[in-house]
Amino acid sequence: MAVTKADLENRWQNSTTVTFGNADKKAIHHFDATTSERTFACESCEEILFIDGDGSTLFRAGGSGQMKLPSGIMVRAKGGSAKCL
């Protein structure tokens, strides 16, 4: 079943408990899609794009937050700190 905008909106939390280090801070973050779920977290990002396998942006967010990222979803984020666990 394909992931929808509503699926991602429901998973998004507007805060994070993840600890970030200097290596997590970049101008641009890119996390390729995988075949399994993982936790995505960000802190003080200007913009976060959640993109499906067709290259369509399903959901946009900004600031700090986290979600259990579904398989097949790529993430691009601008500024701040970000990581996938």
PDB file of N, CA and C in Angstrom:
ATOM      1  N   MET A   1       0.846  -1.183   0.000  1.00  0.00           N
ATOM      2  CA  MET A   1       0.000   0.000   0.000  1.00  0.00           C
ATOM      3  C   MET A   1       0.889   1.243   0.000  1.00  0.00           C
ATOM      4  N   ALA A   2       0.565   2.196  -0.833  1.00  0.00           N
ATOM      5  CA  ALA A   2       1.363   3.421  -0.959  1.00  0.00           C
ATOM      6  C   ALA A   2       1.174   4.336   0.252  1.00  0.00           C
ATOM      7  N   VAL A   3       2.255   4.980   0.637  1.00  0.00           N
ATOM      8  CA  VAL A   3       2.225   5.949   1.731  1.00  0.00           C
ATOM      9  C   VAL A   3       1.555   7.225   1.231  1.00  0.00           C
ATOM     10  N   THR A   4       0.701   7.824   2.047  1.00  0.00           N
ATOM     11  CA  THR A   4      -0.011   9.047   1.671  1.00  0.00           C
ATOM     12  C   THR A   4       0.448  10.225   2.532  1.00  0.00           C
ATOM     13  N   LYS A   5       0.039  11.416   2.117  1.00  0.00           N
ATOM     14  CA  LYS A   5       0.317  12.627   2.890  1.00  0.00           C
ATOM     15  C   LYS A   5      -0.251  12.493   4.306  1.00  0.00           C
ATOM     16  N   ALA A   6      -1.458  11.959   4.414  1.00  0.00           N
ATOM     17  CA  ALA A   6      -2.096  11.780   5.720  1.00  0.00           C
ATOM     18  C   ALA A   6      -1.294  10.828   6.608  1.00  0.00           C
ATOM     19  N   ASP A   7      -0.731   9.769   6.015  1.00  0.00           N
ATOM     20  CA  ASP A   7       0.103   8.835   6.786  1.00  0.00           C
ATOM     21  C   ASP A   7       1.283   9.579   7.417  1.00  0.00           C
ATOM     22  N   LEU A   8       1.961  10.404   6.610  1.00  0.00           N
ATOM     23  CA  LEU A   8       3.128  11.132   7.092  1.00  0.00           C
ATOM     24  C   LEU A   8       2.737  12.200   8.108  1.00  0.00           C
ATOM     25  N   GLU A   9       1.644  12.909   7.862  1.00  0.00           N
ATOM     26  CA  GLU A   9       1.172  13.924   8.821  1.00  0.00           C
ATOM     27  C   GLU A   9       0.872  13.292  10.177  1.00  0.00           C
ATOM     28  N   ASN A  10       0.261  12.110  10.171  1.00  0.00           N
ATOM     29  CA  ASN A  10      -0.083  11.421  11.417  1.00  0.00           C
ATOM     30  C   ASN A  10       1.152  10.931  12.171  1.00  0.00           C
ATOM     31  N   ARG A  11       2.215  10.625  11.455  1.00  0.00           N
ATOM     32  CA  ARG A  11       3.444  10.135  12.076  1.00  0.00           C
ATOM     33  C   ARG A  11       4.320  11.270  12.625  1.00  0.00           C
ATOM     34  N   TRP A  12       4.192  12.468  12.082  1.00  0.00           N
ATOM     35  CA  TRP A  12       5.071  13.591  12.433  1.00  0.00           C
ATOM     36  C   TRP A  12       4.810  14.083  13.855  1.00  0.00           C
ATOM     37  N   GLN A  13       5.886  14.274  14.617  1.00  0.00           N
ATOM     38  CA  GLN A  13       5.825  14.848  15.960  1.00  0.00           C
ATOM     39  C   GLN A  13       6.620  16.152  15.917  1.00  0.00           C
ATOM     40  N   ASN A  14       6.071  17.227  16.456  1.00  0.00           N
ATOM     41  CA  ASN A  14       6.705  18.545  16.393  1.00  0.00           C
ATOM     42  C   ASN A  14       7.795  18.767  17.433  1.00  0.00           C
ATOM     43  N   SER A  15       8.366  17.703  17.929  1.00  0.00           N
ATOM     44  CA  SER A  15       9.496  17.798  18.860  1.00  0.00           C
ATOM     45  C   SER A  15      10.297  16.511  18.723  1.00  0.00           C
ATOM     46  N   THR A  16      11.522  16.526  19.220  1.00  0.00           N
ATOM     47  CA  THR A  16      12.361  15.336  19.149  1.00  0.00           C
ATOM     48  C   THR A  16      13.114  15.136  20.458  1.00  0.00           C
ATOM     49  N   THR A  17      13.368  13.888  20.790  1.00  0.00           N
ATOM     50  CA  THR A  17      14.159  13.548  21.970  1.00  0.00           C
ATOM     51  C   THR A  17      15.550  13.062  21.572  1.00  0.00           C
ATOM     52  N   VAL A  18      15.835  13.069  20.268  1.00  0.00           N
ATOM     53  CA  VAL A  18      17.120  12.598  19.750  1.00  0.00           C
ATOM     54  C   VAL A  18      18.207  13.626  20.044  1.00  0.00           C
ATOM     55  N   THR A  19      19.385  13.146  20.390  1.00  0.00           N
ATOM     56  CA  THR A  19      20.541  14.009  20.631  1.00  0.00           C
ATOM     57  C   THR A  19      21.364  14.112  19.355  1.00  0.00           C
ATOM     58  N   PHE A  20      21.752  15.320  19.000  1.00  0.00           N
ATOM     59  CA  PHE A  20      22.518  15.568  17.788  1.00  0.00           C
ATOM     60  C   PHE A  20      23.928  16.018  18.131  1.00  0.00           C
ATOM     61  N   GLY A  21      24.871  15.669  17.258  1.00  0.00           N
ATOM     62  CA  GLY A  21      26.256  16.104  17.400  1.00  0.00           C
ATOM     63  C   GLY A  21      26.635  17.023  16.258  1.00  0.00           C
ATOM     64  N   ASN A  22      27.860  17.521  16.271  1.00  0.00           N
ATOM     65  CA  ASN A  22      28.331  18.425  15.219  1.00  0.00           C
ATOM     66  C   ASN A  22      28.267  17.789  13.832  1.00  0.00           C
ATOM     67  N   ALA A  23      28.493  16.478  13.744  1.00  0.00           N
ATOM     68  CA  ALA A  23      28.467  15.780  12.456  1.00  0.00           C
ATOM     69  C   ALA A  23      27.067  15.742  11.844  1.00  0.00           C
ATOM     70  N   ASP A  24      26.033  15.959  12.642  1.00  0.00           N
ATOM     71  CA  ASP A  24      24.648  15.923  12.158  1.00  0.00           C
ATOM     72  C   ASP A  24      24.197  17.263  11.584  1.00  0.00           C
ATOM     73  N   LYS A  25      25.005  18.312  11.754  1.00  0.00           N
ATOM     74  CA  LYS A  25      24.634  19.654  11.304  1.00  0.00           C
ATOM     75  C   LYS A  25      25.216  19.902   9.912  1.00  0.00           C
ATOM     76  N   LYS A  26      24.345  20.185   8.943  1.00  0.00           N
ATOM     77  CA  LYS A  26      24.767  20.403   7.553  1.00  0.00           C
ATOM     78  C   LYS A  26      23.847  21.425   6.898  1.00  0.00           C
ATOM     79  N   ALA A  27      24.298  21.972   5.777  1.00  0.00           N
ATOM     80  CA  ALA A  27      23.455  22.887   5.004  1.00  0.00           C
ATOM     81  C   ALA A  27      22.332  22.120   4.309  1.00  0.00           C
ATOM     82  N   ILE A  28      22.649  20.919   3.803  1.00  0.00           N
ATOM     83  CA  ILE A  28      21.672  20.074   3.102  1.00  0.00           C
ATOM     84  C   ILE A  28      21.812  18.646   3.607  1.00  0.00           C
ATOM     85  N   HIS A  29      20.684  18.025   3.903  1.00  0.00           N
ATOM     86  CA  HIS A  29      20.648  16.624   4.338  1.00  0.00           C
ATOM     87  C   HIS A  29      19.889  15.822   3.285  1.00  0.00           C
ATOM     88  N   HIS A  30      20.374  14.620   2.992  1.00  0.00           N
ATOM     89  CA  HIS A  30      19.701  13.744   2.032  1.00  0.00           C
ATOM     90  C   HIS A  30      19.729  12.320   2.587  1.00  0.00           C
ATOM     91  N   PHE A  31      18.553  11.724   2.732  1.00  0.00           N
ATOM     92  CA  PHE A  31      18.432  10.349   3.205  1.00  0.00           C
ATOM     93  C   PHE A  31      17.642   9.560   2.166  1.00  0.00           C
ATOM     94  N   ASP A  32      18.310   8.614   1.520  1.00  0.00           N
ATOM     95  CA  ASP A  32      17.653   7.794   0.504  1.00  0.00           C
ATOM     96  C   ASP A  32      16.562   6.928   1.119  1.00  0.00           C
ATOM     97  N   ALA A  33      15.615   6.553   0.290  1.00  0.00           N
ATOM     98  CA  ALA A  33      14.562   5.623   0.717  1.00  0.00           C
ATOM     99  C   ALA A  33      15.180   4.259   0.993  1.00  0.00           C
ATOM    100  N   THR A  34      14.615   3.534   1.939  1.00  0.00           N
ATOM    101  CA  THR A  34      15.058   2.178   2.243  1.00  0.00           C
ATOM    102  C   THR A  34      13.855   1.240   2.196  1.00  0.00           C
ATOM    103  N   THR A  35      14.122  -0.042   2.387  1.00  0.00           N
ATOM    104  CA  THR A  35      13.042  -1.035   2.353  1.00  0.00           C
ATOM    105  C   THR A  35      12.475  -1.319   3.736  1.00  0.00           C
ATOM    106  N   SER A  36      12.983  -0.615   4.755  1.00  0.00           N
ATOM    107  CA  SER A  36      12.472  -0.827   6.115  1.00  0.00           C
ATOM    108  C   SER A  36      12.195   0.512   6.796  1.00  0.00           C
ATOM    109  N   GLU A  37      11.364   0.469   7.838  1.00  0.00           N
ATOM    110  CA  GLU A  37      11.081   1.665   8.625  1.00  0.00           C
ATOM    111  C   GLU A  37      12.311   2.061   9.427  1.00  0.00           C
ATOM    112  N   ARG A  38      12.453   3.355   9.689  1.00  0.00           N
ATOM    113  CA  ARG A  38      13.517   3.862  10.549  1.00  0.00           C
ATOM    114  C   ARG A  38      13.039   5.161  11.165  1.00  0.00           C
ATOM    115  N   THR A  39      13.742   5.643  12.150  1.00  0.00           N
ATOM    116  CA  THR A  39      13.376   6.899  12.784  1.00  0.00           C
ATOM    117  C   THR A  39      14.144   8.043  12.144  1.00  0.00           C
ATOM    118  N   PHE A  40      13.423   9.050  11.681  1.00  0.00           N
ATOM    119  CA  PHE A  40      14.030  10.280  11.170  1.00  0.00           C
ATOM    120  C   PHE A  40      13.814  11.355  12.220  1.00  0.00           C
ATOM    121  N   ALA A  41      14.867  12.127  12.505  1.00  0.00           N
ATOM    122  CA  ALA A  41      14.758  13.219  13.476  1.00  0.00           C
ATOM    123  C   ALA A  41      15.523  14.427  12.968  1.00  0.00           C
ATOM    124  N   CYS A  42      15.013  15.612  13.303  1.00  0.00           N
ATOM    125  CA  CYS A  42      15.687  16.844  12.887  1.00  0.00           C
ATOM    126  C   CYS A  42      15.517  17.908  13.962  1.00  0.00           C
ATOM    127  N   GLU A  43      16.450  18.855  13.931  1.00  0.00           N
ATOM    128  CA  GLU A  43      16.434  19.952  14.891  1.00  0.00           C
ATOM    129  C   GLU A  43      16.774  21.233  14.156  1.00  0.00           C
ATOM    130  N   SER A  44      15.895  22.217  14.242  1.00  0.00           N
ATOM    131  CA  SER A  44      16.102  23.550  13.651  1.00  0.00           C
ATOM    132  C   SER A  44      16.333  23.524  12.145  1.00  0.00           C
ATOM    133  N   CYS A  45      15.640  22.640  11.438  1.00  0.00           N
ATOM    134  CA  CYS A  45      15.744  22.589   9.980  1.00  0.00           C
ATOM    135  C   CYS A  45      14.813  23.644   9.366  1.00  0.00           C
ATOM    136  N   GLU A  46      15.283  24.313   8.321  1.00  0.00           N
ATOM    137  CA  GLU A  46      14.469  25.325   7.649  1.00  0.00           C
ATOM    138  C   GLU A  46      13.294  24.687   6.914  1.00  0.00           C
ATOM    139  N   GLU A  47      13.582  23.584   6.212  1.00  0.00           N
ATOM    140  CA  GLU A  47      12.536  22.889   5.453  1.00  0.00           C
ATOM    141  C   GLU A  47      12.888  21.410   5.371  1.00  0.00           C
ATOM    142  N   ILE A  48      11.871  20.566   5.484  1.00  0.00           N
ATOM    143  CA  ILE A  48      12.037  19.119   5.386  1.00  0.00           C
ATOM    144  C   ILE A  48      11.025  18.620   4.364  1.00  0.00           C
ATOM    145  N   LEU A  49      11.505  17.871   3.380  1.00  0.00           N
ATOM    146  CA  LEU A  49      10.642  17.317   2.336  1.00  0.00           C
ATOM    147  C   LEU A  49      10.644  15.802   2.439  1.00  0.00           C
ATOM    148  N   PHE A  50       9.463  15.214   2.424  1.00  0.00           N
ATOM    149  CA  PHE A  50       9.300  13.767   2.438  1.00  0.00           C
ATOM    150  C   PHE A  50       8.794  13.378   1.050  1.00  0.00           C
ATOM    151  N   ILE A  51       9.591  12.583   0.332  1.00  0.00           N
ATOM    152  CA  ILE A  51       9.394  12.344  -1.098  1.00  0.00           C
ATOM    153  C   ILE A  51       9.183  10.856  -1.362  1.00  0.00           C
ATOM    154  N   ASP A  52       8.197  10.539  -2.192  1.00  0.00           N
ATOM    155  CA  ASP A  52       7.920   9.137  -2.515  1.00  0.00           C
ATOM    156  C   ASP A  52       8.815   8.650  -3.653  1.00  0.00           C
ATOM    157  N   GLY A  53       8.652   7.390  -4.037  1.00  0.00           N
ATOM    158  CA  GLY A  53       9.472   6.773  -5.079  1.00  0.00           C
ATOM    159  C   GLY A  53       9.305   7.379  -6.452  1.00  0.00           C
ATOM    160  N   ASP A  54       8.207   8.092  -6.686  1.00  0.00           N
ATOM    161  CA  ASP A  54       7.967   8.759  -7.969  1.00  0.00           C
ATOM    162  C   ASP A  54       8.594  10.147  -8.011  1.00  0.00           C
ATOM    163  N   GLY A  55       9.164  10.596  -6.890  1.00  0.00           N
ATOM    164  CA  GLY A  55       9.761  11.926  -6.825  1.00  0.00           C
ATOM    165  C   GLY A  55       8.783  13.012  -6.413  1.00  0.00           C
ATOM    166  N   SER A  56       7.588  12.627  -6.009  1.00  0.00           N
ATOM    167  CA  SER A  56       6.578  13.596  -5.575  1.00  0.00           C
ATOM    168  C   SER A  56       6.735  13.901  -4.091  1.00  0.00           C
ATOM    169  N   THR A  57       6.693  15.185  -3.737  1.00  0.00           N
ATOM    170  CA  THR A  57       6.748  15.586  -2.336  1.00  0.00           C
ATOM    171  C   THR A  57       5.375  15.349  -1.714  1.00  0.00           C
ATOM    172  N   LEU A  58       5.328  14.452  -0.727  1.00  0.00           N
ATOM    173  CA  LEU A  58       4.065  14.117  -0.073  1.00  0.00           C
ATOM    174  C   LEU A  58       3.778  15.012   1.124  1.00  0.00           C
ATOM    175  N   PHE A  59       4.847  15.488   1.796  1.00  0.00           N
ATOM    176  CA  PHE A  59       4.668  16.228   3.033  1.00  0.00           C
ATOM    177  C   PHE A  59       5.854  17.155   3.237  1.00  0.00           C
ATOM    178  N   ARG A  60       5.580  18.357   3.736  1.00  0.00           N
ATOM    179  CA  ARG A  60       6.613  19.344   4.062  1.00  0.00           C
ATOM    180  C   ARG A  60       6.491  19.711   5.528  1.00  0.00           C
ATOM    181  N   ALA A  61       7.627  19.913   6.158  1.00  0.00           N
ATOM    182  CA  ALA A  61       7.648  20.348   7.552  1.00  0.00           C
ATOM    183  C   ALA A  61       8.845  21.272   7.740  1.00  0.00           C
ATOM    184  N   GLY A  62       8.959  21.823   8.918  1.00  0.00           N
ATOM    185  CA  GLY A  62      10.093  22.669   9.245  1.00  0.00           C
ATOM    186  C   GLY A  62      10.293  22.687  10.741  1.00  0.00           C
ATOM    187  N   GLY A  63      11.467  23.156  11.164  1.00  0.00           N
ATOM    188  CA  GLY A  63      11.750  23.245  12.594  1.00  0.00           C
ATOM    189  C   GLY A  63      12.329  21.960  13.126  1.00  0.00           C
ATOM    190  N   SER A  64      11.841  21.544  14.274  1.00  0.00           N
ATOM    191  CA  SER A  64      12.326  20.326  14.929  1.00  0.00           C
ATOM    192  C   SER A  64      11.210  19.303  15.023  1.00  0.00           C
ATOM    193  N   GLY A  65      11.578  18.032  14.903  1.00  0.00           N
ATOM    194  CA  GLY A  65      10.589  16.978  15.021  1.00  0.00           C
ATOM    195  C   GLY A  65      11.168  15.625  14.693  1.00  0.00           C
ATOM    196  N   GLN A  66      10.302  14.629  14.715  1.00  0.00           N
ATOM    197  CA  GLN A  66      10.726  13.278  14.367  1.00  0.00           C
ATOM    198  C   GLN A  66       9.525  12.462  13.916  1.00  0.00           C
ATOM    199  N   MET A  67       9.826  11.349  13.233  1.00  0.00           N
ATOM    200  CA  MET A  67       8.780  10.412  12.838  1.00  0.00           C
ATOM    201  C   MET A  67       9.385   9.053  12.578  1.00  0.00           C
ATOM    202  N   LYS A  68       8.549   8.032  12.673  1.00  0.00           N
ATOM    203  CA  LYS A  68       8.917   6.699  12.232  1.00  0.00           C
ATOM    204  C   LYS A  68       8.706   6.725  10.722  1.00  0.00           C
ATOM    205  N   LEU A  69       9.809   6.821   9.993  1.00  0.00           N
ATOM    206  CA  LEU A  69       9.774   7.005   8.541  1.00  0.00           C
ATOM    207  C   LEU A  69       9.433   5.688   7.849  1.00  0.00           C
ATOM    208  N   PRO A  70       8.362   5.673   7.045  1.00  0.00           N
ATOM    209  CA  PRO A  70       7.987   4.438   6.351  1.00  0.00           C
ATOM    210  C   PRO A  70       9.016   4.060   5.286  1.00  0.00           C
ATOM    211  N   SER A  71       9.044   2.800   4.922  1.00  0.00           N
ATOM    212  CA  SER A  71       9.914   2.373   3.824  1.00  0.00           C
ATOM    213  C   SER A  71       9.470   3.064   2.535  1.00  0.00           C
ATOM    214  N   GLY A  72      10.403   3.263   1.625  1.00  0.00           N
ATOM    215  CA  GLY A  72      10.092   3.862   0.329  1.00  0.00           C
ATOM    216  C   GLY A  72      10.009   5.375   0.328  1.00  0.00           C
ATOM    217  N   ILE A  73      10.304   6.030   1.459  1.00  0.00           N
ATOM    218  CA  ILE A  73      10.229   7.490   1.537  1.00  0.00           C
ATOM    219  C   ILE A  73      11.638   8.072   1.696  1.00  0.00           C
ATOM    220  N   MET A  74      11.973   9.013   0.812  1.00  0.00           N
ATOM    221  CA  MET A  74      13.249   9.723   0.852  1.00  0.00           C
ATOM    222  C   MET A  74      13.026  11.050   1.577  1.00  0.00           C
ATOM    223  N   VAL A  75      14.072  11.538   2.244  1.00  0.00           N
ATOM    224  CA  VAL A  75      13.969  12.809   2.961  1.00  0.00           C
ATOM    225  C   VAL A  75      15.084  13.743   2.508  1.00  0.00           C
ATOM    226  N   ARG A  76      14.721  14.996   2.273  1.00  0.00           N
ATOM    227  CA  ARG A  76      15.685  16.068   2.031  1.00  0.00           C
ATOM    228  C   ARG A  76      15.361  17.174   3.022  1.00  0.00           C
ATOM    229  N   ALA A  77      16.394  17.673   3.679  1.00  0.00           N
ATOM    230  CA  ALA A  77      16.197  18.740   4.655  1.00  0.00           C
ATOM    231  C   ALA A  77      17.245  19.817   4.447  1.00  0.00           C
ATOM    232  N   LYS A  78      16.851  21.060   4.743  1.00  0.00           N
ATOM    233  CA  LYS A  78      17.746  22.205   4.581  1.00  0.00           C
ATOM    234  C   LYS A  78      18.076  22.780   5.951  1.00  0.00           C
ATOM    235  N   GLY A  79      19.379  22.895   6.223  1.00  0.00           N
ATOM    236  CA  GLY A  79      19.847  23.500   7.458  1.00  0.00           C
ATOM    237  C   GLY A  79      19.626  22.639   8.686  1.00  0.00           C
ATOM    238  N   GLY A  80      20.089  23.118   9.808  1.00  0.00           N
ATOM    239  CA  GLY A  80      19.893  22.433  11.071  1.00  0.00           C
ATOM    240  C   GLY A  80      20.638  21.116  11.167  1.00  0.00           C
ATOM    241  N   SER A  81      20.158  20.260  12.045  1.00  0.00           N
ATOM    242  CA  SER A  81      20.735  18.934  12.268  1.00  0.00           C
ATOM    243  C   SER A  81      19.687  17.882  11.944  1.00  0.00           C
ATOM    244  N   ALA A  82      20.127  16.769  11.354  1.00  0.00           N
ATOM    245  CA  ALA A  82      19.187  15.692  11.005  1.00  0.00           C
ATOM    246  C   ALA A  82      19.909  14.368  10.986  1.00  0.00           C
ATOM    247  N   LYS A  83      19.141  13.303  11.254  1.00  0.00           N
ATOM    248  CA  LYS A  83      19.700  11.955  11.154  1.00  0.00           C
ATOM    249  C   LYS A  83      18.573  10.939  11.049  1.00  0.00           C
ATOM    250  N   CYS A  84      18.944   9.772  10.508  1.00  0.00           N
ATOM    251  CA  CYS A  84      18.059   8.615  10.477  1.00  0.00           C
ATOM    252  C   CYS A  84      18.694   7.543  11.349  1.00  0.00           C
ATOM    253  N   LEU A  85      17.879   6.924  12.178  1.00  0.00           N
ATOM    254  CA  LEU A  85      18.372   5.890  13.107  1.00  0.00           C
ATOM    255  C   LEU A  85      17.768   4.541  12.767  1.00  0.00           C
TER     256      LEU A  85
END
